[in-house]
């Protein structure tokens, strides 16, 4: 996976692509001077969904990473605290206007104390597993030109 990330003060994910060539074409469409504030990183996740934890920056991984991130959380005495935002990316993602912040379009959860309650946490875990199962069902069966 190839992640195009804005490195300005706010920071966001501008695009996510399975193929590096697609990421490179996308970056070339970002207008200057915004393009110089972006970088492309390779993530060692081969298939969608790609999970993103947003908390003081971004961390990326597969289902095991997402589940581990959730299970490490402990409830906060501040009931309004969002522990982190969890995103699930199920296909290549790019905004209509290259370089802009459209992360809100991605499927995501604001993980707070409510999601850490046993019943709610299990529902979220089940939903994440379902995303992976559905992603496998959509995978091409192989053949010429497959990544």
Foldseek 3Di string as FASTA:
>chain_A
DKWKWFQPPVIDTAKDALDPVVVVVLLVQADPPRSVRIDMDDDPDNAFFWKWKDDVHIDIDALVVVLVVLVPDDADPPQPDQPTKMFTHLHIDHDPRGNDHPCVVTDIDRHHVVCNPVVNVVVVSVVSVVSVVVSVVPDDPDDPPDD
